[in-house]
């Protein structure tokens, strides 16, 4: 049984005890008032009030356990840095590769395998994030954080709901849960969210929690922002990094399909009938050139009439 389970069990038992004592006290007072003898009646009533007092003390104990039970317990019994849930393996900050050298039976030593170590960068606070620091409290160098556990959401006890390391789109929100111990109030703590080495989101605040317990950092940018790839979350206290966790997002991000706007089909316009093609006007025929009329020749030339002869020309008679 861990500390949390023990505190919850104590709260349950104290609550039941307070209810039983309170009920017994009420019953004792009622029964005592019915007794005939004064002394017995006073003793029974006094016992009833005593039990009610014990019930009130247990109620105060329940309130104290709910409010301060776990922080006080973590002060004397620091939580383990490893969570029993399936933790995401965290990368060691530095990796030292030792190449294996095979000696050949010759005077020249030639390594059979030449390992090229992969450069691993130590996490650091970017300058744009460092300018937002406001705390002047020196962090505790003994503070510890557990490996990060990733889930889509957490419950009321800061426990991940369905922890995974691979998320399938669409993704709305990712929460990174951790346990901690030996933290100091007032120190600056920071969470950085990276994708493929690019800083996407950060949060930096002054620590206002308990010295030990559970904490989380979350990011909810929208379903269309979670591109496929490998993501990394880094936790810092002051300028010192405490833990690094990684998860993967697969699949295309969600893209909202806009509903098409209703289109109004205009009524078909009247088809214009082309005007009849004008036929070219007839080529004007050349006007007939009048040929000068022929000179009329007289049909007959009047011959002057003969001088009429006398119808009876009498010759002079001969002289007898």
C-alpha atoms as a PDB file:
ATOM      1  CA  UNK A   1       0.000   0.000   0.000  1.00  0.00           C
ATOM      2  CA  UNK A   2       1.393   3.378  -0.965  1.00  0.00           C
ATOM      3  CA  UNK A   3       1.045   6.679   0.879  1.00  0.00           C
ATOM      4  CA  UNK A   4      -1.992   7.821  -1.098  1.00  0.00           C
ATOM      5  CA  UNK A   5      -3.882   4.585  -0.442  1.00  0.00           C
ATOM      6  CA  UNK A   6      -3.005   4.713   3.255  1.00  0.00           C
ATOM      7  CA  UNK A   7      -4.253   8.292   3.605  1.00  0.00           C
ATOM      8  CA  UNK A   8      -7.505   7.444   1.832  1.00  0.00           C
ATOM      9  CA  UNK A   9      -8.029   4.407   4.095  1.00  0.00           C
ATOM     10  CA  UNK A  10      -7.457   6.530   7.203  1.00  0.00           C
ATOM     11  CA  UNK A  11      -9.951   9.112   5.960  1.00  0.00           C
ATOM     12  CA  UNK A  12     -12.572   6.414   5.354  1.00  0.00           C
ATOM     13  CA  UNK A  13     -12.127   4.803   8.781  1.00  0.00           C
ATOM     14  CA  UNK A  14     -12.133   8.144  10.603  1.00  0.00           C
ATOM     15  CA  UNK A  15     -15.308   9.195   8.774  1.00  0.00           C
ATOM     16  CA  UNK A  16     -17.092   5.974   9.738  1.00  0.00           C
ATOM     17  CA  UNK A  17     -15.929   6.314  13.355  1.00  0.00           C
ATOM     18  CA  UNK A  18     -17.172   9.898  13.541  1.00  0.00           C
ATOM     19  CA  UNK A  19     -20.609   8.871  12.232  1.00  0.00           C
ATOM     20  CA  UNK A  20     -20.887   5.930  14.666  1.00  0.00           C
ATOM     21  CA  UNK A  21     -19.809   7.992  17.688  1.00  0.00           C
ATOM     22  CA  UNK A  22     -22.149  10.835  16.816  1.00  0.00           C
ATOM     23  CA  UNK A  23     -25.098   8.477  16.426  1.00  0.00           C
ATOM     24  CA  UNK A  24     -24.249   6.654  19.687  1.00  0.00           C
ATOM     25  CA  UNK A  25     -24.026   9.960  21.528  1.00  0.00           C
ATOM     26  CA  UNK A  26     -27.457  11.050  20.298  1.00  0.00           C
ATOM     27  CA  UNK A  27     -28.982   7.727  21.321  1.00  0.00           C
ATOM     28  CA  UNK A  28     -27.326   7.859  24.758  1.00  0.00           C
ATOM     29  CA  UNK A  29     -28.708  11.331  25.428  1.00  0.00           C
ATOM     30  CA  UNK A  30     -32.200  10.284  24.362  1.00  0.00           C
ATOM     31  CA  UNK A  31     -32.140   7.141  26.512  1.00  0.00           C
ATOM     32  CA  UNK A  32     -30.663   8.977  29.485  1.00  0.00           C
ATOM     33  CA  UNK A  33     -33.497  11.476  29.587  1.00  0.00           C
ATOM     34  CA  UNK A  34     -35.960   8.621  29.987  1.00  0.00           C
ATOM     35  CA  UNK A  35     -34.325   7.230  33.159  1.00  0.00           C
ATOM     36  CA  UNK A  36     -36.014   7.878  36.494  1.00  0.00           C
ATOM     37  CA  UNK A  37     -32.914   8.091  38.640  1.00  0.00           C
ATOM     38  CA  UNK A  38     -31.142  11.427  38.490  1.00  0.00           C
ATOM     39  CA  UNK A  39     -27.610  10.092  38.845  1.00  0.00           C
ATOM     40  CA  UNK A  40     -27.983   7.452  36.135  1.00  0.00           C
ATOM     41  CA  UNK A  41     -29.675   9.984  33.880  1.00  0.00           C
ATOM     42  CA  UNK A  42     -26.785  12.447  34.301  1.00  0.00           C
ATOM     43  CA  UNK A  43     -24.165   9.785  33.620  1.00  0.00           C
ATOM     44  CA  UNK A  44     -25.948   8.552  30.498  1.00  0.00           C
ATOM     45  CA  UNK A  45     -26.345  12.109  29.142  1.00  0.00           C
ATOM     46  CA  UNK A  46     -22.695  12.928  29.965  1.00  0.00           C
ATOM     47  CA  UNK A  47     -21.541   9.822  28.089  1.00  0.00           C
ATOM     48  CA  UNK A  48     -23.637  10.868  25.115  1.00  0.00           C
ATOM     49  CA  UNK A  49     -22.042  14.311  24.975  1.00  0.00           C
ATOM     50  CA  UNK A  50     -18.597  12.747  25.382  1.00  0.00           C
ATOM     51  CA  UNK A  51     -19.165  10.528  22.351  1.00  0.00           C
ATOM     52  CA  UNK A  52     -20.386  13.497  20.336  1.00  0.00           C
ATOM     53  CA  UNK A  53     -17.165  15.305  21.284  1.00  0.00           C
ATOM     54  CA  UNK A  54     -15.088  12.362  20.088  1.00  0.00           C
ATOM     55  CA  UNK A  55     -17.097  12.397  16.821  1.00  0.00           C
ATOM     56  CA  UNK A  56     -16.237  16.074  16.334  1.00  0.00           C
ATOM     57  CA  UNK A  57     -12.547  15.329  16.948  1.00  0.00           C
ATOM     58  CA  UNK A  58     -12.626  12.572  14.334  1.00  0.00           C
ATOM     59  CA  UNK A  59     -14.332  14.961  11.912  1.00  0.00           C
ATOM     60  CA  UNK A  60     -11.497  17.429  12.425  1.00  0.00           C
ATOM     61  CA  UNK A  61      -9.009  14.617  11.825  1.00  0.00           C
ATOM     62  CA  UNK A  62     -10.777  13.748   8.557  1.00  0.00           C
ATOM     63  CA  UNK A  63     -10.532  17.365   7.423  1.00  0.00           C
ATOM     64  CA  UNK A  64      -6.828  17.500   8.308  1.00  0.00           C
ATOM     65  CA  UNK A  65      -6.095  14.272   6.438  1.00  0.00           C
ATOM     66  CA  UNK A  66      -7.918  15.506   3.339  1.00  0.00           C
ATOM     67  CA  UNK A  67      -6.188  18.897   3.388  1.00  0.00           C
ATOM     68  CA  UNK A  68      -2.655  18.181   4.629  1.00  0.00           C
ATOM     69  CA  UNK A  69      -2.313  14.388   4.881  1.00  0.00           C
ATOM     70  CA  UNK A  70      -0.385  13.655   1.677  1.00  0.00           C
ATOM     71  CA  UNK A  71       1.981  16.685   1.762  1.00  0.00           C
ATOM     72  CA  UNK A  72       2.975  15.895   5.367  1.00  0.00           C
ATOM     73  CA  UNK A  73       3.446  12.213   4.546  1.00  0.00           C
ATOM     74  CA  UNK A  74       5.589  13.039   1.505  1.00  0.00           C
ATOM     75  CA  UNK A  75       7.757  15.247   3.715  1.00  0.00           C
ATOM     76  CA  UNK A  76       8.742  12.269   5.882  1.00  0.00           C
ATOM     77  CA  UNK A  77       8.415   9.564   3.233  1.00  0.00           C
ATOM     78  CA  UNK A  78       9.615  10.957  -0.142  1.00  0.00           C
ATOM     79  CA  UNK A  79       7.868   9.309  -3.108  1.00  0.00           C
ATOM     80  CA  UNK A  80       9.829   7.117  -5.417  1.00  0.00           C
ATOM     81  CA  UNK A  81      10.959   8.744  -8.641  1.00  0.00           C
ATOM     82  CA  UNK A  82       9.575   5.834 -10.650  1.00  0.00           C
ATOM     83  CA  UNK A  83       5.812   5.601 -11.289  1.00  0.00           C
ATOM     84  CA  UNK A  84       4.291   2.152 -11.302  1.00  0.00           C
ATOM     85  CA  UNK A  85       2.430   2.912 -14.533  1.00  0.00           C
ATOM     86  CA  UNK A  86       4.114   2.164 -17.829  1.00  0.00           C
ATOM     87  CA  UNK A  87       6.587   5.049 -18.007  1.00  0.00           C
ATOM     88  CA  UNK A  88       7.955   6.416 -21.212  1.00  0.00           C
ATOM     89  CA  UNK A  89      11.676   5.652 -21.266  1.00  0.00           C
ATOM     90  CA  UNK A  90      13.596   8.888 -20.943  1.00  0.00           C
ATOM     91  CA  UNK A  91      16.767   9.482 -22.866  1.00  0.00           C
ATOM     92  CA  UNK A  92      19.994   9.860 -20.970  1.00  0.00           C
ATOM     93  CA  UNK A  93      21.312  13.405 -21.373  1.00  0.00           C
ATOM     94  CA  UNK A  94      24.677  12.261 -22.640  1.00  0.00           C
ATOM     95  CA  UNK A  95      25.655   9.092 -24.458  1.00  0.00           C
ATOM     96  CA  UNK A  96      29.246   7.993 -24.543  1.00  0.00           C
ATOM     97  CA  UNK A  97      29.969   5.577 -27.359  1.00  0.00           C
ATOM     98  CA  UNK A  98      32.995   3.349 -26.918  1.00  0.00           C
ATOM     99  CA  UNK A  99      34.176   2.045 -30.297  1.00  0.00           C
ATOM    100  CA  UNK A 100      35.281  -1.574 -30.410  1.00  0.00           C
ATOM    101  CA  UNK A 101      38.715  -1.989 -31.949  1.00  0.00           C
ATOM    102  CA  UNK A 102      39.766  -5.295 -33.417  1.00  0.00           C
ATOM    103  CA  UNK A 103      43.500  -5.768 -33.743  1.00  0.00           C
ATOM    104  CA  UNK A 104      44.668  -7.328 -36.964  1.00  0.00           C
ATOM    105  CA  UNK A 105      47.765  -9.511 -36.915  1.00  0.00           C
ATOM    106  CA  UNK A 106      49.833  -6.769 -38.436  1.00  0.00           C
ATOM    107  CA  UNK A 107      51.983  -4.040 -37.089  1.00  0.00           C
ATOM    108  CA  UNK A 108      49.396  -1.366 -37.918  1.00  0.00           C
ATOM    109  CA  UNK A 109      46.406  -1.342 -35.645  1.00  0.00           C
ATOM    110  CA  UNK A 110      43.304  -0.824 -37.752  1.00  0.00           C
ATOM    111  CA  UNK A 111      39.888  -0.660 -36.118  1.00  0.00           C
ATOM    112  CA  UNK A 112      37.459  -2.971 -37.863  1.00  0.00           C
ATOM    113  CA  UNK A 113      34.480  -0.776 -37.000  1.00  0.00           C
ATOM    114  CA  UNK A 114      34.599   2.957 -36.896  1.00  0.00           C
ATOM    115  CA  UNK A 115      31.692   4.257 -34.847  1.00  0.00           C
ATOM    116  CA  UNK A 116      30.647   7.784 -35.502  1.00  0.00           C
ATOM    117  CA  UNK A 117      28.971   8.942 -32.290  1.00  0.00           C
ATOM    118  CA  UNK A 118      25.642  10.689 -32.699  1.00  0.00           C
ATOM    119  CA  UNK A 119      25.685  14.206 -31.326  1.00  0.00           C
ATOM    120  CA  UNK A 120      23.225  14.492 -28.449  1.00  0.00           C
ATOM    121  CA  UNK A 121      22.433  18.040 -27.415  1.00  0.00           C
ATOM    122  CA  UNK A 122      21.915  18.729 -23.727  1.00  0.00           C
ATOM    123  CA  UNK A 123      18.479  20.341 -23.224  1.00  0.00           C
ATOM    124  CA  UNK A 124      18.646  24.055 -22.522  1.00  0.00           C
ATOM    125  CA  UNK A 125      16.308  27.014 -22.006  1.00  0.00           C
ATOM    126  CA  UNK A 126      15.915  29.151 -25.165  1.00  0.00           C
ATOM    127  CA  UNK A 127      16.623  32.859 -24.750  1.00  0.00           C
ATOM    128  CA  UNK A 128      13.034  33.822 -25.597  1.00  0.00           C
ATOM    129  CA  UNK A 129      11.805  31.669 -22.693  1.00  0.00           C
ATOM    130  CA  UNK A 130      14.501  32.806 -20.279  1.00  0.00           C
ATOM    131  CA  UNK A 131      13.401  36.424 -20.650  1.00  0.00           C
ATOM    132  CA  UNK A 132      10.028  35.461 -19.122  1.00  0.00           C
ATOM    133  CA  UNK A 133      11.616  34.277 -15.832  1.00  0.00           C
ATOM    134  CA  UNK A 134      10.569  36.228 -12.744  1.00  0.00           C
ATOM    135  CA  UNK A 135      11.656  34.061  -9.783  1.00  0.00           C
ATOM    136  CA  UNK A 136      14.688  34.899  -7.628  1.00  0.00           C
ATOM    137  CA  UNK A 137      14.540  31.702  -5.520  1.00  0.00           C
ATOM    138  CA  UNK A 138      17.451  29.300  -5.983  1.00  0.00           C
ATOM    139  CA  UNK A 139      16.187  25.791  -6.885  1.00  0.00           C
ATOM    140  CA  UNK A 140      16.937  22.849  -4.653  1.00  0.00           C
ATOM    141  CA  UNK A 141      19.661  20.758  -6.253  1.00  0.00           C
ATOM    142  CA  UNK A 142      18.186  17.606  -4.646  1.00  0.00           C
ATOM    143  CA  UNK A 143      14.812  17.992  -6.405  1.00  0.00           C
ATOM    144  CA  UNK A 144      13.844  14.917  -8.433  1.00  0.00           C
ATOM    145  CA  UNK A 145      11.248  14.192 -11.131  1.00  0.00           C
ATOM    146  CA  UNK A 146       9.946  10.860 -12.386  1.00  0.00           C
ATOM    147  CA  UNK A 147       9.786   9.905 -16.088  1.00  0.00           C
ATOM    148  CA  UNK A 148       6.930  11.515 -18.004  1.00  0.00           C
ATOM    149  CA  UNK A 149       3.740   9.591 -18.771  1.00  0.00           C
ATOM    150  CA  UNK A 150       1.638  10.835 -21.689  1.00  0.00           C
ATOM    151  CA  UNK A 151      -2.147  10.595 -22.051  1.00  0.00           C
ATOM    152  CA  UNK A 152      -5.053  12.461 -23.583  1.00  0.00           C
ATOM    153  CA  UNK A 153      -6.368  13.540 -20.149  1.00  0.00           C
ATOM    154  CA  UNK A 154      -6.011  13.004 -16.381  1.00  0.00           C
ATOM    155  CA  UNK A 155      -8.412  12.266 -13.543  1.00  0.00           C
ATOM    156  CA  UNK A 156      -9.069  14.220 -10.349  1.00  0.00           C
ATOM    157  CA  UNK A 157      -6.014  12.633  -8.677  1.00  0.00           C
ATOM    158  CA  UNK A 158      -3.620  13.753 -11.448  1.00  0.00           C
ATOM    159  CA  UNK A 159      -3.362  10.225 -12.820  1.00  0.00           C
ATOM    160  CA  UNK A 160      -3.203   9.691 -16.617  1.00  0.00           C
ATOM    161  CA  UNK A 161      -6.272   8.206 -18.289  1.00  0.00           C
ATOM    162  CA  UNK A 162      -5.137   5.550 -20.757  1.00  0.00           C
ATOM    163  CA  UNK A 163      -1.369   6.307 -20.907  1.00  0.00           C
ATOM    164  CA  UNK A 164       0.195   5.747 -24.339  1.00  0.00           C
ATOM    165  CA  UNK A 165       3.328   6.702 -26.244  1.00  0.00           C
ATOM    166  CA  UNK A 166       1.740   6.739 -29.729  1.00  0.00           C
ATOM    167  CA  UNK A 167      -1.255   8.968 -30.473  1.00  0.00           C
ATOM    168  CA  UNK A 168      -3.415   8.513 -33.567  1.00  0.00           C
ATOM    169  CA  UNK A 169      -4.971  11.620 -35.108  1.00  0.00           C
ATOM    170  CA  UNK A 170      -7.264  13.358 -34.475  1.00  0.00           C
ATOM    171  CA  UNK A 171      -5.628  14.594 -31.239  1.00  0.00           C
ATOM    172  CA  UNK A 172      -7.126  17.441 -29.222  1.00  0.00           C
ATOM    173  CA  UNK A 173      -4.932  17.494 -26.106  1.00  0.00           C
ATOM    174  CA  UNK A 174      -1.854  15.752 -24.687  1.00  0.00           C
ATOM    175  CA  UNK A 175      -0.968  15.723 -20.971  1.00  0.00           C
ATOM    176  CA  UNK A 176       2.465  14.831 -19.549  1.00  0.00           C
ATOM    177  CA  UNK A 177       2.175  13.544 -15.930  1.00  0.00           C
ATOM    178  CA  UNK A 178       5.070  13.240 -13.466  1.00  0.00           C
ATOM    179  CA  UNK A 179       5.767  12.830  -9.760  1.00  0.00           C
ATOM    180  CA  UNK A 180       8.218  15.079  -7.924  1.00  0.00           C
ATOM    181  CA  UNK A 181       9.886  15.561  -4.562  1.00  0.00           C
ATOM    182  CA  UNK A 182      11.975  18.147  -2.678  1.00  0.00           C
ATOM    183  CA  UNK A 183      10.645  21.105  -4.606  1.00  0.00           C
ATOM    184  CA  UNK A 184      10.726  24.630  -3.159  1.00  0.00           C
ATOM    185  CA  UNK A 185       7.919  27.131  -3.465  1.00  0.00           C
ATOM    186  CA  UNK A 186       8.853  30.205  -5.469  1.00  0.00           C
ATOM    187  CA  UNK A 187      11.327  28.572  -7.876  1.00  0.00           C
ATOM    188  CA  UNK A 188      10.909  28.933 -11.642  1.00  0.00           C
ATOM    189  CA  UNK A 189       9.851  25.806 -13.484  1.00  0.00           C
ATOM    190  CA  UNK A 190       9.448  25.424 -17.236  1.00  0.00           C
ATOM    191  CA  UNK A 191       7.991  22.908 -19.717  1.00  0.00           C
ATOM    192  CA  UNK A 192       9.084  22.967 -23.377  1.00  0.00           C
ATOM    193  CA  UNK A 193       7.197  21.137 -26.172  1.00  0.00           C
ATOM    194  CA  UNK A 194       9.196  20.278 -29.320  1.00  0.00           C
ATOM    195  CA  UNK A 195       8.371  18.575 -32.610  1.00  0.00           C
ATOM    196  CA  UNK A 196      11.276  17.297 -34.689  1.00  0.00           C
ATOM    197  CA  UNK A 197      13.576  19.733 -32.850  1.00  0.00           C
ATOM    198  CA  UNK A 198      11.305  22.774 -33.343  1.00  0.00           C
ATOM    199  CA  UNK A 199       9.894  24.566 -30.296  1.00  0.00           C
ATOM    200  CA  UNK A 200       6.092  24.650 -30.579  1.00  0.00           C
ATOM    201  CA  UNK A 201       4.875  25.585 -27.095  1.00  0.00           C
ATOM    202  CA  UNK A 202       6.219  26.429 -23.645  1.00  0.00           C
ATOM    203  CA  UNK A 203       4.956  27.347 -20.209  1.00  0.00           C
ATOM    204  CA  UNK A 204       7.063  28.851 -17.424  1.00  0.00           C
ATOM    205  CA  UNK A 205       5.724  29.750 -13.981  1.00  0.00           C
ATOM    206  CA  UNK A 206       6.667  30.194 -10.353  1.00  0.00           C
ATOM    207  CA  UNK A 207       6.226  26.919  -8.457  1.00  0.00           C
ATOM    208  CA  UNK A 208       3.299  27.168  -6.025  1.00  0.00           C
ATOM    209  CA  UNK A 209       2.667  23.494  -5.262  1.00  0.00           C
ATOM    210  CA  UNK A 210       3.738  21.126  -2.495  1.00  0.00           C
ATOM    211  CA  UNK A 211       7.214  19.809  -1.891  1.00  0.00           C
ATOM    212  CA  UNK A 212       6.212  16.391  -3.205  1.00  0.00           C
ATOM    213  CA  UNK A 213       3.375  14.796  -5.108  1.00  0.00           C
ATOM    214  CA  UNK A 214       2.106  14.684  -8.678  1.00  0.00           C
ATOM    215  CA  UNK A 215       2.138  17.341 -11.380  1.00  0.00           C
ATOM    216  CA  UNK A 216       1.469  17.698 -15.072  1.00  0.00           C
ATOM    217  CA  UNK A 217       1.946  19.900 -18.108  1.00  0.00           C
ATOM    218  CA  UNK A 218      -0.483  19.932 -21.036  1.00  0.00           C
ATOM    219  CA  UNK A 219      -0.924  21.427 -24.503  1.00  0.00           C
ATOM    220  CA  UNK A 220      -4.240  21.793 -26.349  1.00  0.00           C
ATOM    221  CA  UNK A 221      -3.622  23.761 -29.569  1.00  0.00           C
ATOM    222  CA  UNK A 222      -6.427  22.265 -31.681  1.00  0.00           C
ATOM    223  CA  UNK A 223      -6.889  19.112 -33.723  1.00  0.00           C
ATOM    224  CA  UNK A 224      -5.485  20.663 -36.911  1.00  0.00           C
ATOM    225  CA  UNK A 225      -2.112  21.448 -35.260  1.00  0.00           C
ATOM    226  CA  UNK A 226      -0.961  17.922 -34.323  1.00  0.00           C
ATOM    227  CA  UNK A 227       1.148  16.999 -37.328  1.00  0.00           C
ATOM    228  CA  UNK A 228       2.540  13.498 -37.571  1.00  0.00           C
ATOM    229  CA  UNK A 229       6.024  13.103 -36.118  1.00  0.00           C
ATOM    230  CA  UNK A 230       8.028  12.671 -32.933  1.00  0.00           C
ATOM    231  CA  UNK A 231       7.386  15.076 -30.067  1.00  0.00           C
ATOM    232  CA  UNK A 232       9.547  15.799 -27.030  1.00  0.00           C
ATOM    233  CA  UNK A 233       8.699  17.429 -23.676  1.00  0.00           C
ATOM    234  CA  UNK A 234      11.468  18.846 -21.466  1.00  0.00           C
ATOM    235  CA  UNK A 235      10.974  19.846 -17.805  1.00  0.00           C
ATOM    236  CA  UNK A 236      13.319  22.400 -16.179  1.00  0.00           C
ATOM    237  CA  UNK A 237      13.665  23.780 -12.654  1.00  0.00           C
ATOM    238  CA  UNK A 238      15.440  27.078 -12.950  1.00  0.00           C
ATOM    239  CA  UNK A 239      18.019  26.597 -15.692  1.00  0.00           C
ATOM    240  CA  UNK A 240      18.588  22.907 -14.914  1.00  0.00           C
ATOM    241  CA  UNK A 241      16.688  20.314 -16.899  1.00  0.00           C
ATOM    242  CA  UNK A 242      15.063  17.568 -14.835  1.00  0.00           C
ATOM    243  CA  UNK A 243      13.419  15.072 -17.211  1.00  0.00           C
ATOM    244  CA  UNK A 244      12.772  14.526 -20.926  1.00  0.00           C
ATOM    245  CA  UNK A 245       9.960  12.448 -22.422  1.00  0.00           C
ATOM    246  CA  UNK A 246       8.960  11.607 -25.967  1.00  0.00           C
ATOM    247  CA  UNK A 247       5.788  10.496 -27.758  1.00  0.00           C
ATOM    248  CA  UNK A 248       4.712  10.003 -31.364  1.00  0.00           C
ATOM    249  CA  UNK A 249       1.725  11.270 -33.331  1.00  0.00           C
ATOM    250  CA  UNK A 250       0.627   9.294 -36.398  1.00  0.00           C
ATOM    251  CA  UNK A 251      -1.892  10.036 -39.109  1.00  0.00           C
ATOM    252  CA  UNK A 252      -2.967  13.196 -40.852  1.00  0.00           C
ATOM    253  CA  UNK A 253      -4.314  16.001 -38.665  1.00  0.00           C
ATOM    254  CA  UNK A 254      -8.009  16.685 -38.609  1.00  0.00           C
ATOM    255  CA  UNK A 255      -9.132  19.245 -41.162  1.00  0.00           C
ATOM    256  CA  UNK A 256     -12.592  20.729 -40.910  1.00  0.00           C
ATOM    257  CA  UNK A 257     -14.459  20.484 -44.214  1.00  0.00           C
ATOM    258  CA  UNK A 258     -16.431  23.670 -44.767  1.00  0.00           C
ATOM    259  CA  UNK A 259     -20.007  23.104 -45.855  1.00  0.00           C
ATOM    260  CA  UNK A 260     -20.574  24.390 -49.356  1.00  0.00           C
ATOM    261  CA  UNK A 261     -22.540  27.595 -49.550  1.00  0.00           C
ATOM    262  CA  UNK A 262     -25.920  27.221 -51.235  1.00  0.00           C
ATOM    263  CA  UNK A 263     -25.768  28.271 -54.825  1.00  0.00           C
ATOM    264  CA  UNK A 264     -28.685  29.867 -56.598  1.00  0.00           C
ATOM    265  CA  UNK A 265     -29.118  28.782 -60.157  1.00  0.00           C
ATOM    266  CA  UNK A 266     -30.176  31.804 -62.150  1.00  0.00           C
ATOM    267  CA  UNK A 267     -33.151  31.267 -64.441  1.00  0.00           C
ATOM    268  CA  UNK A 268     -32.123  30.663 -67.969  1.00  0.00           C
ATOM    269  CA  UNK A 269     -32.052  33.912 -69.809  1.00  0.00           C
ATOM    270  CA  UNK A 270     -34.021  34.268 -72.992  1.00  0.00           C
ATOM    271  CA  UNK A 271     -32.013  33.090 -75.900  1.00  0.00           C
ATOM    272  CA  UNK A 272     -31.479  35.926 -78.230  1.00  0.00           C
ATOM    273  CA  UNK A 273     -32.532  35.032 -81.726  1.00  0.00           C
ATOM    274  CA  UNK A 274     -30.025  36.452 -84.087  1.00  0.00           C
ATOM    275  CA  UNK A 275     -31.449  39.078 -86.379  1.00  0.00           C
ATOM    276  CA  UNK A 276     -31.818  37.894 -89.914  1.00  0.00           C
ATOM    277  CA  UNK A 277     -28.800  38.500 -91.975  1.00  0.00           C
ATOM    278  CA  UNK A 278     -29.482  41.173 -94.367  1.00  0.00           C
ATOM    279  CA  UNK A 279     -29.120  40.013 -97.871  1.00  0.00           C
ATOM    280  CA  UNK A 280     -26.889  42.239 -99.845  1.00  0.00           C
ATOM    281  CA  UNK A 281     -28.899  44.570-101.980  1.00  0.00           C
ATOM    282  CA  UNK A 282     -29.054  43.718-105.589  1.00  0.00           C
ATOM    283  CA  UNK A 283     -26.299  45.196-107.547  1.00  0.00           C
ATOM    284  CA  UNK A 284     -27.878  48.036-109.393  1.00  0.00           C
ATOM    285  CA  UNK A 285     -28.051  47.216-113.003  1.00  0.00           C
ATOM    286  CA  UNK A 286     -26.414  49.769-115.189  1.00  0.00           C
ATOM    287  CA  UNK A 287     -28.966  52.061-116.685  1.00  0.00           C
ATOM    288  CA  UNK A 288     -29.391  51.780-120.365  1.00  0.00           C
ATOM    289  CA  UNK A 289     -27.682  54.516-122.177  1.00  0.00           C
ATOM    290  CA  UNK A 290     -30.096  55.929-124.549  1.00  0.00           C
ATOM    291  CA  UNK A 291     -28.930  55.701-128.081  1.00  0.00           C
ATOM    292  CA  UNK A 292     -29.843  58.825-129.804  1.00  0.00           C
ATOM    293  CA  UNK A 293     -32.920  58.174-131.797  1.00  0.00           C
ATOM    294  CA  UNK A 294     -32.462  57.817-135.453  1.00  0.00           C
ATOM    295  CA  UNK A 295     -33.014  60.840-137.582  1.00  0.00           C
ATOM    296  CA  UNK A 296     -36.308  60.414-139.026  1.00  0.00           C
ATOM    297  CA  UNK A 297     -36.111  60.518-142.692  1.00  0.00           C
ATOM    298  CA  UNK A 298     -39.175  61.718-144.461  1.00  0.00           C
ATOM    299  CA  UNK A 299     -41.074  58.874-145.665  1.00  0.00           C
ATOM    300  CA  UNK A 300     -41.983  60.631-148.878  1.00  0.00           C
ATOM    301  CA  UNK A 301     -40.841  63.758-150.498  1.00  0.00           C
ATOM    302  CA  UNK A 302     -43.598  65.697-151.667  1.00  0.00           C
ATOM    303  CA  UNK A 303     -43.235  66.307-155.368  1.00  0.00           C
ATOM    304  CA  UNK A 304     -44.689  69.544-156.216  1.00  0.00           C
ATOM    305  CA  UNK A 305     -47.927  68.907-157.877  1.00  0.00           C
ATOM    306  CA  UNK A 306     -48.076  69.437-161.504  1.00  0.00           C
ATOM    307  CA  UNK A 307     -49.581  72.534-162.692  1.00  0.00           C
ATOM    308  CA  UNK A 308     -53.022  71.479-163.461  1.00  0.00           C
ATOM    309  CA  UNK A 309     -53.838  71.533-166.967  1.00  0.00           C
ATOM    310  CA  UNK A 310     -57.028  72.886-168.061  1.00  0.00           C
ATOM    311  CA  UNK A 311     -59.465  70.236-168.523  1.00  0.00           C
ATOM    312  CA  UNK A 312     -60.546  71.441-171.870  1.00  0.00           C
ATOM    313  CA  UNK A 313     -58.224  73.241-173.892  1.00  0.00           C
ATOM    314  CA  UNK A 314     -59.837  74.455-176.718  1.00  0.00           C
ATOM    315  CA  UNK A 315     -57.725  75.007-179.531  1.00  0.00           C
ATOM    316  CA  UNK A 316     -58.592  77.947-181.379  1.00  0.00           C
ATOM    317  CA  UNK A 317     -60.652  76.918-184.105  1.00  0.00           C
ATOM    318  CA  UNK A 318     -59.305  77.321-187.445  1.00  0.00           C
ATOM    319  CA  UNK A 319     -60.278  80.163-189.176  1.00  0.00           C
ATOM    320  CA  UNK A 320     -62.577  79.221-191.729  1.00  0.00           C
END
